[in-house]
mmCIF file of all heavy atoms, coordinates in Angstrom:
data_MODEL
# 
_entry.id   MODEL 
# 
loop_
_atom_site.group_PDB 
_atom_site.id 
_atom_site.type_symbol 
_atom_site.label_atom_id 
_atom_site.label_alt_id 
_atom_site.label_comp_id 
_atom_site.label_asym_id 
_atom_site.label_entity_id 
_atom_site.label_seq_id 
_atom_site.pdbx_PDB_ins_code 
_atom_site.Cartn_x 
_atom_site.Cartn_y 
_atom_site.Cartn_z 
_atom_site.occupancy 
_atom_site.B_iso_or_equiv 
_atom_site.pdbx_formal_charge 
_atom_site.auth_seq_id 
_atom_site.auth_comp_id 
_atom_site.auth_asym_id 
_atom_site.auth_atom_id 
_atom_site.pdbx_PDB_model_num 
ATOM 1   N N   . GLY A 1 1  ? 1.506   -21.714 4.554   1.00 0.00 ? 1  GLY A N   1 
ATOM 2   C CA  . GLY A 1 1  ? 1.854   -22.307 5.823   1.00 0.00 ? 1  GLY A CA  1 
ATOM 3   C C   . GLY A 1 1  ? 2.678   -21.344 6.663   1.00 0.00 ? 1  GLY A C   1 
ATOM 4   O O   . GLY A 1 1  ? 3.212   -21.692 7.695   1.00 0.00 ? 1  GLY A O   1 
ATOM 5   N N   . TRP A 1 2  ? 2.772   -20.119 6.184   1.00 0.00 ? 2  TRP A N   1 
ATOM 6   C CA  . TRP A 1 2  ? 3.528   -19.080 6.875   1.00 0.00 ? 2  TRP A CA  1 
ATOM 7   C C   . TRP A 1 2  ? 2.752   -17.772 6.737   1.00 0.00 ? 2  TRP A C   1 
ATOM 8   O O   . TRP A 1 2  ? 1.783   -17.682 6.010   1.00 0.00 ? 2  TRP A O   1 
ATOM 9   C CB  . TRP A 1 2  ? 4.922   -18.930 6.245   1.00 0.00 ? 2  TRP A CB  1 
ATOM 10  C CG  . TRP A 1 2  ? 4.875   -18.594 4.795   1.00 0.00 ? 2  TRP A CG  1 
ATOM 11  C CD1 . TRP A 1 2  ? 4.845   -17.367 4.225   1.00 0.00 ? 2  TRP A CD1 1 
ATOM 12  C CD2 . TRP A 1 2  ? 4.834   -19.522 3.694   1.00 0.00 ? 2  TRP A CD2 1 
ATOM 13  N NE1 . TRP A 1 2  ? 4.789   -17.452 2.859   1.00 0.00 ? 2  TRP A NE1 1 
ATOM 14  C CE2 . TRP A 1 2  ? 4.792   -18.757 2.509   1.00 0.00 ? 2  TRP A CE2 1 
ATOM 15  C CE3 . TRP A 1 2  ? 4.843   -20.918 3.615   1.00 0.00 ? 2  TRP A CE3 1 
ATOM 16  C CZ2 . TRP A 1 2  ? 4.742   -19.356 1.251   1.00 0.00 ? 2  TRP A CZ2 1 
ATOM 17  C CZ3 . TRP A 1 2  ? 4.788   -21.481 2.352   1.00 0.00 ? 2  TRP A CZ3 1 
ATOM 18  C CH2 . TRP A 1 2  ? 4.749   -20.725 1.194   1.00 0.00 ? 2  TRP A CH2 1 
ATOM 19  N N   . GLY A 1 3  ? 3.202   -16.754 7.440   1.00 0.00 ? 3  GLY A N   1 
ATOM 20  C CA  . GLY A 1 3  ? 2.525   -15.462 7.371   1.00 0.00 ? 3  GLY A CA  1 
ATOM 21  C C   . GLY A 1 3  ? 2.577   -14.894 5.966   1.00 0.00 ? 3  GLY A C   1 
ATOM 22  O O   . GLY A 1 3  ? 3.584   -15.023 5.267   1.00 0.00 ? 3  GLY A O   1 
ATOM 23  N N   . GLY A 1 4  ? 1.507   -14.276 5.550   1.00 0.00 ? 4  GLY A N   1 
ATOM 24  C CA  . GLY A 1 4  ? 1.453   -13.682 4.218   1.00 0.00 ? 4  GLY A CA  1 
ATOM 25  C C   . GLY A 1 4  ? 0.882   -12.288 4.282   1.00 0.00 ? 4  GLY A C   1 
ATOM 26  O O   . GLY A 1 4  ? 0.431   -11.821 5.326   1.00 0.00 ? 4  GLY A O   1 
ATOM 27  N N   . ASP A 1 5  ? 0.901   -11.611 3.160   1.00 0.00 ? 5  ASP A N   1 
ATOM 28  C CA  . ASP A 1 5  ? 0.387   -10.252 3.071   1.00 0.00 ? 5  ASP A CA  1 
ATOM 29  C C   . ASP A 1 5  ? -1.127  -10.300 2.962   1.00 0.00 ? 5  ASP A C   1 
ATOM 30  O O   . ASP A 1 5  ? -1.669  -10.831 1.989   1.00 0.00 ? 5  ASP A O   1 
ATOM 31  C CB  . ASP A 1 5  ? 1.004   -9.565  1.857   1.00 0.00 ? 5  ASP A CB  1 
ATOM 32  C CG  . ASP A 1 5  ? 0.693   -8.083  1.797   1.00 0.00 ? 5  ASP A CG  1 
ATOM 33  O OD1 . ASP A 1 5  ? -0.251  -7.644  2.481   1.00 0.00 ? 5  ASP A OD1 1 
ATOM 34  O OD2 . ASP A 1 5  ? 1.386   -7.360  1.059   1.00 0.00 ? 5  ASP A OD2 1 
ATOM 35  N N   . THR A 1 6  ? -1.823  -9.743  3.940   1.00 0.00 ? 6  THR A N   1 
ATOM 36  C CA  . THR A 1 6  ? -3.285  -9.812  3.933   1.00 0.00 ? 6  THR A CA  1 
ATOM 37  C C   . THR A 1 6  ? -3.918  -8.943  2.858   1.00 0.00 ? 6  THR A C   1 
ATOM 38  O O   . THR A 1 6  ? -5.117  -9.038  2.632   1.00 0.00 ? 6  THR A O   1 
ATOM 39  C CB  . THR A 1 6  ? -3.850  -9.414  5.309   1.00 0.00 ? 6  THR A CB  1 
ATOM 40  O OG1 . THR A 1 6  ? -3.388  -8.098  5.651   1.00 0.00 ? 6  THR A OG1 1 
ATOM 41  C CG2 . THR A 1 6  ? -3.414  -10.390 6.383   1.00 0.00 ? 6  THR A CG2 1 
ATOM 42  N N   . ARG A 1 7  ? -3.113  -8.105  2.183   1.00 0.00 ? 7  ARG A N   1 
ATOM 43  C CA  . ARG A 1 7  ? -3.668  -7.353  1.060   1.00 0.00 ? 7  ARG A CA  1 
ATOM 44  C C   . ARG A 1 7  ? -4.182  -8.287  -0.026  1.00 0.00 ? 7  ARG A C   1 
ATOM 45  O O   . ARG A 1 7  ? -5.116  -7.951  -0.762  1.00 0.00 ? 7  ARG A O   1 
ATOM 46  C CB  . ARG A 1 7  ? -2.607  -6.407  0.481   1.00 0.00 ? 7  ARG A CB  1 
ATOM 47  C CG  . ARG A 1 7  ? -2.320  -5.184  1.331   1.00 0.00 ? 7  ARG A CG  1 
ATOM 48  C CD  . ARG A 1 7  ? -1.264  -4.311  0.705   1.00 0.00 ? 7  ARG A CD  1 
ATOM 49  N NE  . ARG A 1 7  ? 0.022   -4.997  0.604   1.00 0.00 ? 7  ARG A NE  1 
ATOM 50  C CZ  . ARG A 1 7  ? 1.130   -4.419  0.122   1.00 0.00 ? 7  ARG A CZ  1 
ATOM 51  N NH1 . ARG A 1 7  ? 1.089   -3.175  -0.312  1.00 0.00 ? 7  ARG A NH1 1 
ATOM 52  N NH2 . ARG A 1 7  ? 2.260   -5.092  0.068   1.00 0.00 ? 7  ARG A NH2 1 
ATOM 53  N N   . VAL A 1 8  ? -3.560  -9.453  -0.142  1.00 0.00 ? 8  VAL A N   1 
ATOM 54  C CA  . VAL A 1 8  ? -4.016  -10.438 -1.116  1.00 0.00 ? 8  VAL A CA  1 
ATOM 55  C C   . VAL A 1 8  ? -5.470  -10.808 -0.840  1.00 0.00 ? 8  VAL A C   1 
ATOM 56  O O   . VAL A 1 8  ? -6.298  -10.885 -1.754  1.00 0.00 ? 8  VAL A O   1 
ATOM 57  C CB  . VAL A 1 8  ? -3.126  -11.702 -1.071  1.00 0.00 ? 8  VAL A CB  1 
ATOM 58  C CG1 . VAL A 1 8  ? -3.687  -12.775 -1.978  1.00 0.00 ? 8  VAL A CG1 1 
ATOM 59  C CG2 . VAL A 1 8  ? -1.699  -11.362 -1.449  1.00 0.00 ? 8  VAL A CG2 1 
ATOM 60  N N   . VAL A 1 9  ? -5.793  -11.015 0.438   1.00 0.00 ? 9  VAL A N   1 
ATOM 61  C CA  . VAL A 1 9  ? -7.164  -11.352 0.831   1.00 0.00 ? 9  VAL A CA  1 
ATOM 62  C C   . VAL A 1 9  ? -8.094  -10.179 0.563   1.00 0.00 ? 9  VAL A C   1 
ATOM 63  O O   . VAL A 1 9  ? -9.169  -10.332 -0.037  1.00 0.00 ? 9  VAL A O   1 
ATOM 64  C CB  . VAL A 1 9  ? -7.227  -11.759 2.306   1.00 0.00 ? 9  VAL A CB  1 
ATOM 65  C CG1 . VAL A 1 9  ? -8.678  -12.024 2.728   1.00 0.00 ? 9  VAL A CG1 1 
ATOM 66  C CG2 . VAL A 1 9  ? -6.370  -12.986 2.564   1.00 0.00 ? 9  VAL A CG2 1 
ATOM 67  N N   . ASP A 1 10 ? -7.707  -8.994  1.019   1.00 0.00 ? 10 ASP A N   1 
ATOM 68  C CA  . ASP A 1 10 ? -8.583  -7.828  0.909   1.00 0.00 ? 10 ASP A CA  1 
ATOM 69  C C   . ASP A 1 10 ? -8.948  -7.524  -0.537  1.00 0.00 ? 10 ASP A C   1 
ATOM 70  O O   . ASP A 1 10 ? -10.115 -7.247  -0.851  1.00 0.00 ? 10 ASP A O   1 
ATOM 71  C CB  . ASP A 1 10 ? -7.901  -6.596  1.537   1.00 0.00 ? 10 ASP A CB  1 
ATOM 72  C CG  . ASP A 1 10 ? -7.701  -6.756  3.031   1.00 0.00 ? 10 ASP A CG  1 
ATOM 73  O OD1 . ASP A 1 10 ? -8.453  -7.523  3.659   1.00 0.00 ? 10 ASP A OD1 1 
ATOM 74  O OD2 . ASP A 1 10 ? -6.788  -6.107  3.573   1.00 0.00 ? 10 ASP A OD2 1 
ATOM 75  N N   . VAL A 1 11 ? -7.969  -7.578  -1.430  1.00 0.00 ? 11 VAL A N   1 
ATOM 76  C CA  . VAL A 1 11 ? -8.244  -7.271  -2.834  1.00 0.00 ? 11 VAL A CA  1 
ATOM 77  C C   . VAL A 1 11 ? -9.136  -8.334  -3.455  1.00 0.00 ? 11 VAL A C   1 
ATOM 78  O O   . VAL A 1 11 ? -10.072 -8.019  -4.208  1.00 0.00 ? 11 VAL A O   1 
ATOM 79  C CB  . VAL A 1 11 ? -6.928  -7.127  -3.628  1.00 0.00 ? 11 VAL A CB  1 
ATOM 80  C CG1 . VAL A 1 11 ? -7.230  -6.960  -5.126  1.00 0.00 ? 11 VAL A CG1 1 
ATOM 81  C CG2 . VAL A 1 11 ? -6.132  -5.927  -3.137  1.00 0.00 ? 11 VAL A CG2 1 
ATOM 82  N N   . HIS A 1 12 ? -8.905  -9.602  -3.128  1.00 0.00 ? 12 HIS A N   1 
ATOM 83  C CA  . HIS A 1 12 ? -9.749  -10.659 -3.688  1.00 0.00 ? 12 HIS A CA  1 
ATOM 84  C C   . HIS A 1 12 ? -11.167 -10.595 -3.146  1.00 0.00 ? 12 HIS A C   1 
ATOM 85  O O   . HIS A 1 12 ? -12.134 -10.875 -3.881  1.00 0.00 ? 12 HIS A O   1 
ATOM 86  C CB  . HIS A 1 12 ? -9.130  -12.031 -3.418  1.00 0.00 ? 12 HIS A CB  1 
ATOM 87  C CG  . HIS A 1 12 ? -8.105  -12.430 -4.434  1.00 0.00 ? 12 HIS A CG  1 
ATOM 88  N ND1 . HIS A 1 12 ? -6.806  -11.992 -4.378  1.00 0.00 ? 12 HIS A ND1 1 
ATOM 89  C CD2 . HIS A 1 12 ? -8.203  -13.210 -5.542  1.00 0.00 ? 12 HIS A CD2 1 
ATOM 90  C CE1 . HIS A 1 12 ? -6.138  -12.488 -5.409  1.00 0.00 ? 12 HIS A CE1 1 
ATOM 91  N NE2 . HIS A 1 12 ? -6.955  -13.226 -6.119  1.00 0.00 ? 12 HIS A NE2 1 
ATOM 92  N N   . VAL A 1 13 ? -11.318 -10.229 -1.879  1.00 0.00 ? 13 VAL A N   1 
ATOM 93  C CA  . VAL A 1 13 ? -12.676 -10.058 -1.330  1.00 0.00 ? 13 VAL A CA  1 
ATOM 94  C C   . VAL A 1 13 ? -13.396 -8.939  -2.080  1.00 0.00 ? 13 VAL A C   1 
ATOM 95  O O   . VAL A 1 13 ? -14.575 -9.082  -2.439  1.00 0.00 ? 13 VAL A O   1 
ATOM 96  C CB  . VAL A 1 13 ? -12.623 -9.761  0.178   1.00 0.00 ? 13 VAL A CB  1 
ATOM 97  C CG1 . VAL A 1 13 ? -13.978 -9.263  0.675   1.00 0.00 ? 13 VAL A CG1 1 
ATOM 98  C CG2 . VAL A 1 13 ? -12.227 -11.010 0.953   1.00 0.00 ? 13 VAL A CG2 1 
ATOM 99  N N   . GLN A 1 14 ? -12.698 -7.843  -2.338  1.00 0.00 ? 14 GLN A N   1 
ATOM 100 C CA  . GLN A 1 14 ? -13.330 -6.742  -3.051  1.00 0.00 ? 14 GLN A CA  1 
ATOM 101 C C   . GLN A 1 14 ? -13.699 -7.142  -4.466  1.00 0.00 ? 14 GLN A C   1 
ATOM 102 O O   . GLN A 1 14 ? -14.785 -6.794  -4.963  1.00 0.00 ? 14 GLN A O   1 
ATOM 103 C CB  . GLN A 1 14 ? -12.394 -5.520  -3.076  1.00 0.00 ? 14 GLN A CB  1 
ATOM 104 C CG  . GLN A 1 14 ? -13.019 -4.280  -3.690  1.00 0.00 ? 14 GLN A CG  1 
ATOM 105 C CD  . GLN A 1 14 ? -14.340 -3.905  -3.055  1.00 0.00 ? 14 GLN A CD  1 
ATOM 106 O OE1 . GLN A 1 14 ? -14.491 -3.960  -1.831  1.00 0.00 ? 14 GLN A OE1 1 
ATOM 107 N NE2 . GLN A 1 14 ? -15.319 -3.539  -3.864  1.00 0.00 ? 14 GLN A NE2 1 
ATOM 108 N N   . ARG A 1 15 ? -12.819 -7.903  -5.143  1.00 0.00 ? 15 ARG A N   1 
ATOM 109 C CA  . ARG A 1 15 ? -13.137 -8.386  -6.479  1.00 0.00 ? 15 ARG A CA  1 
ATOM 110 C C   . ARG A 1 15 ? -14.345 -9.305  -6.457  1.00 0.00 ? 15 ARG A C   1 
ATOM 111 O O   . ARG A 1 15 ? -15.213 -9.248  -7.340  1.00 0.00 ? 15 ARG A O   1 
ATOM 112 C CB  . ARG A 1 15 ? -11.930 -9.107  -7.078  1.00 0.00 ? 15 ARG A CB  1 
ATOM 113 C CG  . ARG A 1 15 ? -10.892 -8.172  -7.674  1.00 0.00 ? 15 ARG A CG  1 
ATOM 114 C CD  . ARG A 1 15 ? -9.590  -8.867  -8.014  1.00 0.00 ? 15 ARG A CD  1 
ATOM 115 N NE  . ARG A 1 15 ? -9.771  -10.152 -8.686  1.00 0.00 ? 15 ARG A NE  1 
ATOM 116 C CZ  . ARG A 1 15 ? -8.780  -10.998 -8.893  1.00 0.00 ? 15 ARG A CZ  1 
ATOM 117 N NH1 . ARG A 1 15 ? -7.562  -10.717 -8.479  1.00 0.00 ? 15 ARG A NH1 1 
ATOM 118 N NH2 . ARG A 1 15 ? -9.000  -12.134 -9.516  1.00 0.00 ? 15 ARG A NH2 1 
ATOM 119 N N   . LEU A 1 16 ? -14.410 -10.161 -5.439  1.00 0.00 ? 16 LEU A N   1 
ATOM 120 C CA  . LEU A 1 16 ? -15.544 -11.075 -5.312  1.00 0.00 ? 16 LEU A CA  1 
ATOM 121 C C   . LEU A 1 16 ? -16.835 -10.305 -5.060  1.00 0.00 ? 16 LEU A C   1 
ATOM 122 O O   . LEU A 1 16 ? -17.888 -10.637 -5.616  1.00 0.00 ? 16 LEU A O   1 
ATOM 123 C CB  . LEU A 1 16 ? -15.273 -12.065 -4.193  1.00 0.00 ? 16 LEU A CB  1 
ATOM 124 C CG  . LEU A 1 16 ? -16.282 -13.196 -3.987  1.00 0.00 ? 16 LEU A CG  1 
ATOM 125 C CD1 . LEU A 1 16 ? -16.438 -14.029 -5.246  1.00 0.00 ? 16 LEU A CD1 1 
ATOM 126 C CD2 . LEU A 1 16 ? -15.847 -14.085 -2.822  1.00 0.00 ? 16 LEU A CD2 1 
ATOM 127 N N   . ARG A 1 17 ? -16.759 -9.277  -4.232  1.00 0.00 ? 17 ARG A N   1 
ATOM 128 C CA  . ARG A 1 17 ? -17.957 -8.458  -3.952  1.00 0.00 ? 17 ARG A CA  1 
ATOM 129 C C   . ARG A 1 17 ? -18.531 -7.821  -5.206  1.00 0.00 ? 17 ARG A C   1 
ATOM 130 O O   . ARG A 1 17 ? -19.743 -7.751  -5.377  1.00 0.00 ? 17 ARG A O   1 
ATOM 131 C CB  . ARG A 1 17 ? -17.596 -7.359  -2.946  1.00 0.00 ? 17 ARG A CB  1 
ATOM 132 C CG  . ARG A 1 17 ? -17.568 -7.794  -1.493  1.00 0.00 ? 17 ARG A CG  1 
ATOM 133 C CD  . ARG A 1 17 ? -17.007 -6.682  -0.652  1.00 0.00 ? 17 ARG A CD  1 
ATOM 134 N NE  . ARG A 1 17 ? -17.201 -6.917  0.782   1.00 0.00 ? 17 ARG A NE  1 
ATOM 135 C CZ  . ARG A 1 17 ? -16.497 -6.330  1.725   1.00 0.00 ? 17 ARG A CZ  1 
ATOM 136 N NH1 . ARG A 1 17 ? -15.534 -5.461  1.395   1.00 0.00 ? 17 ARG A NH1 1 
ATOM 137 N NH2 . ARG A 1 17 ? -16.740 -6.588  2.998   1.00 0.00 ? 17 ARG A NH2 1 
ATOM 138 N N   . THR A 1 18 ? -17.647 -7.340  -6.087  1.00 0.00 ? 18 THR A N   1 
ATOM 139 C CA  . THR A 1 18 ? -18.147 -6.697  -7.298  1.00 0.00 ? 18 THR A CA  1 
ATOM 140 C C   . THR A 1 18 ? -18.911 -7.672  -8.185  1.00 0.00 ? 18 THR A C   1 
ATOM 141 O O   . THR A 1 18 ? -19.738 -7.259  -9.001  1.00 0.00 ? 18 THR A O   1 
ATOM 142 C CB  . THR A 1 18 ? -16.987 -6.079  -8.112  1.00 0.00 ? 18 THR A CB  1 
ATOM 143 O OG1 . THR A 1 18 ? -16.108 -7.114  -8.560  1.00 0.00 ? 18 THR A OG1 1 
ATOM 144 C CG2 . THR A 1 18 ? -16.216 -5.075  -7.274  1.00 0.00 ? 18 THR A CG2 1 
ATOM 145 N N   . LYS A 1 19 ? -18.646 -8.978  -8.017  1.00 0.00 ? 19 LYS A N   1 
ATOM 146 C CA  . LYS A 1 19 ? -19.285 -9.978  -8.864  1.00 0.00 ? 19 LYS A CA  1 
ATOM 147 C C   . LYS A 1 19 ? -20.538 -10.584 -8.240  1.00 0.00 ? 19 LYS A C   1 
ATOM 148 O O   . LYS A 1 19 ? -21.487 -10.911 -8.958  1.00 0.00 ? 19 LYS A O   1 
ATOM 149 C CB  . LYS A 1 19 ? -18.282 -11.091 -9.192  1.00 0.00 ? 19 LYS A CB  1 
ATOM 150 C CG  . LYS A 1 19 ? -17.102 -10.605 -10.025 1.00 0.00 ? 19 LYS A CG  1 
ATOM 151 C CD  . LYS A 1 19 ? -16.155 -11.739 -10.385 1.00 0.00 ? 19 LYS A CD  1 
ATOM 152 C CE  . LYS A 1 19 ? -15.008 -11.252 -11.235 1.00 0.00 ? 19 LYS A CE  1 
ATOM 153 N NZ  . LYS A 1 19 ? -14.108 -12.358 -11.677 1.00 0.00 ? 19 LYS A NZ  1 
ATOM 154 N N   . ILE A 1 20 ? -20.552 -10.750 -6.915  1.00 0.00 ? 20 ILE A N   1 
ATOM 155 C CA  . ILE A 1 20 ? -21.698 -11.417 -6.279  1.00 0.00 ? 20 ILE A CA  1 
ATOM 156 C C   . ILE A 1 20 ? -22.571 -10.457 -5.492  1.00 0.00 ? 20 ILE A C   1 
ATOM 157 O O   . ILE A 1 20 ? -23.630 -10.845 -5.004  1.00 0.00 ? 20 ILE A O   1 
ATOM 158 C CB  . ILE A 1 20 ? -21.244 -12.561 -5.366  1.00 0.00 ? 20 ILE A CB  1 
ATOM 159 C CG1 . ILE A 1 20 ? -20.499 -12.022 -4.137  1.00 0.00 ? 20 ILE A CG1 1 
ATOM 160 C CG2 . ILE A 1 20 ? -20.398 -13.561 -6.126  1.00 0.00 ? 20 ILE A CG2 1 
ATOM 161 C CD1 . ILE A 1 20 ? -20.216 -13.070 -3.088  1.00 0.00 ? 20 ILE A CD1 1 
ATOM 162 N N   . GLY A 1 21 ? -22.139 -9.199  -5.369  1.00 0.00 ? 21 GLY A N   1 
ATOM 163 C CA  . GLY A 1 21 ? -22.921 -8.214  -4.617  1.00 0.00 ? 21 GLY A CA  1 
ATOM 164 C C   . GLY A 1 21 ? -22.106 -7.626  -3.475  1.00 0.00 ? 21 GLY A C   1 
ATOM 165 O O   . GLY A 1 21 ? -21.532 -8.371  -2.673  1.00 0.00 ? 21 GLY A O   1 
ATOM 166 N N   . GLN A 1 22 ? -22.041 -6.318  -3.418  1.00 0.00 ? 22 GLN A N   1 
ATOM 167 C CA  . GLN A 1 22 ? -21.207 -5.656  -2.408  1.00 0.00 ? 22 GLN A CA  1 
ATOM 168 C C   . GLN A 1 22 ? -21.635 -5.986  -0.990  1.00 0.00 ? 22 GLN A C   1 
ATOM 169 O O   . GLN A 1 22 ? -20.815 -6.006  -0.069  1.00 0.00 ? 22 GLN A O   1 
ATOM 170 C CB  . GLN A 1 22 ? -21.258 -4.127  -2.625  1.00 0.00 ? 22 GLN A CB  1 
ATOM 171 C CG  . GLN A 1 22 ? -20.554 -3.645  -3.880  1.00 0.00 ? 22 GLN A CG  1 
ATOM 172 C CD  . GLN A 1 22 ? -19.043 -3.785  -3.791  1.00 0.00 ? 22 GLN A CD  1 
ATOM 173 O OE1 . GLN A 1 22 ? -18.486 -3.949  -2.717  1.00 0.00 ? 22 GLN A OE1 1 
ATOM 174 N NE2 . GLN A 1 22 ? -18.373 -3.726  -4.934  1.00 0.00 ? 22 GLN A NE2 1 
ATOM 175 N N   . ASP A 1 23 ? -22.927 -6.240  -0.771  1.00 0.00 ? 23 ASP A N   1 
ATOM 176 C CA  . ASP A 1 23 ? -23.427 -6.461  0.585   1.00 0.00 ? 23 ASP A CA  1 
ATOM 177 C C   . ASP A 1 23 ? -23.390 -7.920  1.006   1.00 0.00 ? 23 ASP A C   1 
ATOM 178 O O   . ASP A 1 23 ? -23.713 -8.234  2.155   1.00 0.00 ? 23 ASP A O   1 
ATOM 179 C CB  . ASP A 1 23 ? -24.865 -5.939  0.705   1.00 0.00 ? 23 ASP A CB  1 
ATOM 180 C CG  . ASP A 1 23 ? -24.962 -4.437  0.482   1.00 0.00 ? 23 ASP A CG  1 
ATOM 181 O OD1 . ASP A 1 23 ? -23.967 -3.753  0.770   1.00 0.00 ? 23 ASP A OD1 1 
ATOM 182 O OD2 . ASP A 1 23 ? -26.020 -3.963  0.019   1.00 0.00 ? 23 ASP A OD2 1 
ATOM 183 N N   . ARG A 1 24 ? -23.027 -8.824  0.103   1.00 0.00 ? 24 ARG A N   1 
ATOM 184 C CA  . ARG A 1 24 ? -23.094 -10.252 0.438   1.00 0.00 ? 24 ARG A CA  1 
ATOM 185 C C   . ARG A 1 24 ? -21.989 -10.652 1.414   1.00 0.00 ? 24 ARG A C   1 
ATOM 186 O O   . ARG A 1 24 ? -22.184 -11.524 2.263   1.00 0.00 ? 24 ARG A O   1 
ATOM 187 C CB  . ARG A 1 24 ? -22.999 -11.072 -0.849  1.00 0.00 ? 24 ARG A CB  1 
ATOM 188 C CG  . ARG A 1 24 ? -23.057 -12.578 -0.669  1.00 0.00 ? 24 ARG A CG  1 
ATOM 189 C CD  . ARG A 1 24 ? -24.264 -13.038 0.093   1.00 0.00 ? 24 ARG A CD  1 
ATOM 190 N NE  . ARG A 1 24 ? -25.529 -12.657 -0.507  1.00 0.00 ? 24 ARG A NE  1 
ATOM 191 C CZ  . ARG A 1 24 ? -26.700 -12.863 0.052   1.00 0.00 ? 24 ARG A CZ  1 
ATOM 192 N NH1 . ARG A 1 24 ? -26.770 -13.413 1.262   1.00 0.00 ? 24 ARG A NH1 1 
ATOM 193 N NH2 . ARG A 1 24 ? -27.803 -12.484 -0.542  1.00 0.00 ? 24 ARG A NH2 1 
ATOM 194 N N   . ILE A 1 25 ? -20.809 -10.032 1.300   1.00 0.00 ? 25 ILE A N   1 
ATOM 195 C CA  . ILE A 1 25 ? -19.704 -10.331 2.220   1.00 0.00 ? 25 ILE A CA  1 
ATOM 196 C C   . ILE A 1 25 ? -19.507 -9.125  3.122   1.00 0.00 ? 25 ILE A C   1 
ATOM 197 O O   . ILE A 1 25 ? -19.255 -8.016  2.654   1.00 0.00 ? 25 ILE A O   1 
ATOM 198 C CB  . ILE A 1 25 ? -18.412 -10.649 1.453   1.00 0.00 ? 25 ILE A CB  1 
ATOM 199 C CG1 . ILE A 1 25 ? -18.606 -11.885 0.566   1.00 0.00 ? 25 ILE A CG1 1 
ATOM 200 C CG2 . ILE A 1 25 ? -17.256 -10.879 2.420   1.00 0.00 ? 25 ILE A CG2 1 
ATOM 201 C CD1 . ILE A 1 25 ? -17.417 -12.200 -0.310  1.00 0.00 ? 25 ILE A CD1 1 
ATOM 202 N N   . GLU A 1 26 ? -19.620 -9.357  4.402   1.00 0.00 ? 26 GLU A N   1 
ATOM 203 C CA  . GLU A 1 26 ? -19.557 -8.275  5.389   1.00 0.00 ? 26 GLU A CA  1 
ATOM 204 C C   . GLU A 1 26 ? -18.170 -8.214  6.033   1.00 0.00 ? 26 GLU A C   1 
ATOM 205 O O   . GLU A 1 26 ? -17.577 -9.236  6.370   1.00 0.00 ? 26 GLU A O   1 
ATOM 206 C CB  . GLU A 1 26 ? -20.610 -8.508  6.471   1.00 0.00 ? 26 GLU A CB  1 
ATOM 207 C CG  . GLU A 1 26 ? -20.644 -7.430  7.549   1.00 0.00 ? 26 GLU A CG  1 
ATOM 208 C CD  . GLU A 1 26 ? -21.696 -7.707  8.600   1.00 0.00 ? 26 GLU A CD  1 
ATOM 209 O OE1 . GLU A 1 26 ? -22.567 -8.582  8.349   1.00 0.00 ? 26 GLU A OE1 1 
ATOM 210 O OE2 . GLU A 1 26 ? -21.652 -7.060  9.667   1.00 0.00 ? 26 GLU A OE2 1 
ATOM 211 N N   . THR A 1 27 ? -17.666 -6.989  6.191   1.00 0.00 ? 27 THR A N   1 
ATOM 212 C CA  . THR A 1 27 ? -16.413 -6.775  6.904   1.00 0.00 ? 27 THR A CA  1 
ATOM 213 C C   . THR A 1 27 ? -16.695 -6.650  8.396   1.00 0.00 ? 27 THR A C   1 
ATOM 214 O O   . THR A 1 27 ? -17.548 -5.874  8.812   1.00 0.00 ? 27 THR A O   1 
ATOM 215 C CB  . THR A 1 27 ? -15.715 -5.491  6.421   1.00 0.00 ? 27 THR A CB  1 
ATOM 216 O OG1 . THR A 1 27 ? -15.430 -5.590  5.019   1.00 0.00 ? 27 THR A OG1 1 
ATOM 217 C CG2 . THR A 1 27 ? -14.403 -5.266  7.173   1.00 0.00 ? 27 THR A CG2 1 
ATOM 218 N N   . VAL A 1 28 ? -15.994 -7.431  9.185   1.00 0.00 ? 28 VAL A N   1 
ATOM 219 C CA  . VAL A 1 28 ? -16.087 -7.333  10.640  1.00 0.00 ? 28 VAL A CA  1 
ATOM 220 C C   . VAL A 1 28 ? -14.771 -6.734  11.111  1.00 0.00 ? 28 VAL A C   1 
ATOM 221 O O   . VAL A 1 28 ? -13.745 -7.417  11.155  1.00 0.00 ? 28 VAL A O   1 
ATOM 222 C CB  . VAL A 1 28 ? -16.330 -8.710  11.290  1.00 0.00 ? 28 VAL A CB  1 
ATOM 223 C CG1 . VAL A 1 28 ? -16.463 -8.558  12.797  1.00 0.00 ? 28 VAL A CG1 1 
ATOM 224 C CG2 . VAL A 1 28 ? -17.590 -9.356  10.708  1.00 0.00 ? 28 VAL A CG2 1 
ATOM 225 N N   . ARG A 1 29 ? -14.781 -5.464  11.414  1.00 0.00 ? 29 ARG A N   1 
ATOM 226 C CA  . ARG A 1 29 ? -13.549 -4.728  11.694  1.00 0.00 ? 29 ARG A CA  1 
ATOM 227 C C   . ARG A 1 29 ? -12.746 -5.374  12.816  1.00 0.00 ? 29 ARG A C   1 
ATOM 228 O O   . ARG A 1 29 ? -13.270 -5.689  13.870  1.00 0.00 ? 29 ARG A O   1 
ATOM 229 C CB  . ARG A 1 29 ? -13.856 -3.278  12.045  1.00 0.00 ? 29 ARG A CB  1 
ATOM 230 C CG  . ARG A 1 29 ? -14.413 -2.478  10.877  1.00 0.00 ? 29 ARG A CG  1 
ATOM 231 C CD  . ARG A 1 29 ? -14.486 -0.995  11.196  1.00 0.00 ? 29 ARG A CD  1 
ATOM 232 N NE  . ARG A 1 29 ? -15.012 -0.233  10.074  1.00 0.00 ? 29 ARG A NE  1 
ATOM 233 C CZ  . ARG A 1 29 ? -14.289 0.169   9.033   1.00 0.00 ? 29 ARG A CZ  1 
ATOM 234 N NH1 . ARG A 1 29 ? -12.997 -0.132  9.001   1.00 0.00 ? 29 ARG A NH1 1 
ATOM 235 N NH2 . ARG A 1 29 ? -14.832 0.843   8.044   1.00 0.00 ? 29 ARG A NH2 1 
ATOM 236 N N   . GLY A 1 30 ? -11.459 -5.526  12.531  1.00 0.00 ? 30 GLY A N   1 
ATOM 237 C CA  . GLY A 1 30 ? -10.564 -6.093  13.522  1.00 0.00 ? 30 GLY A CA  1 
ATOM 238 C C   . GLY A 1 30 ? -10.541 -7.610  13.549  1.00 0.00 ? 30 GLY A C   1 
ATOM 239 O O   . GLY A 1 30 ? -9.723  -8.205  14.267  1.00 0.00 ? 30 GLY A O   1 
# 
């Protein structure tokens, strides 16, 4: 409910990509 460190998101997205496919989740810069 407050600001958090977005590194938590980035690392979990990368972990998820390694399991379901690197191309399945796309990064939209910015």
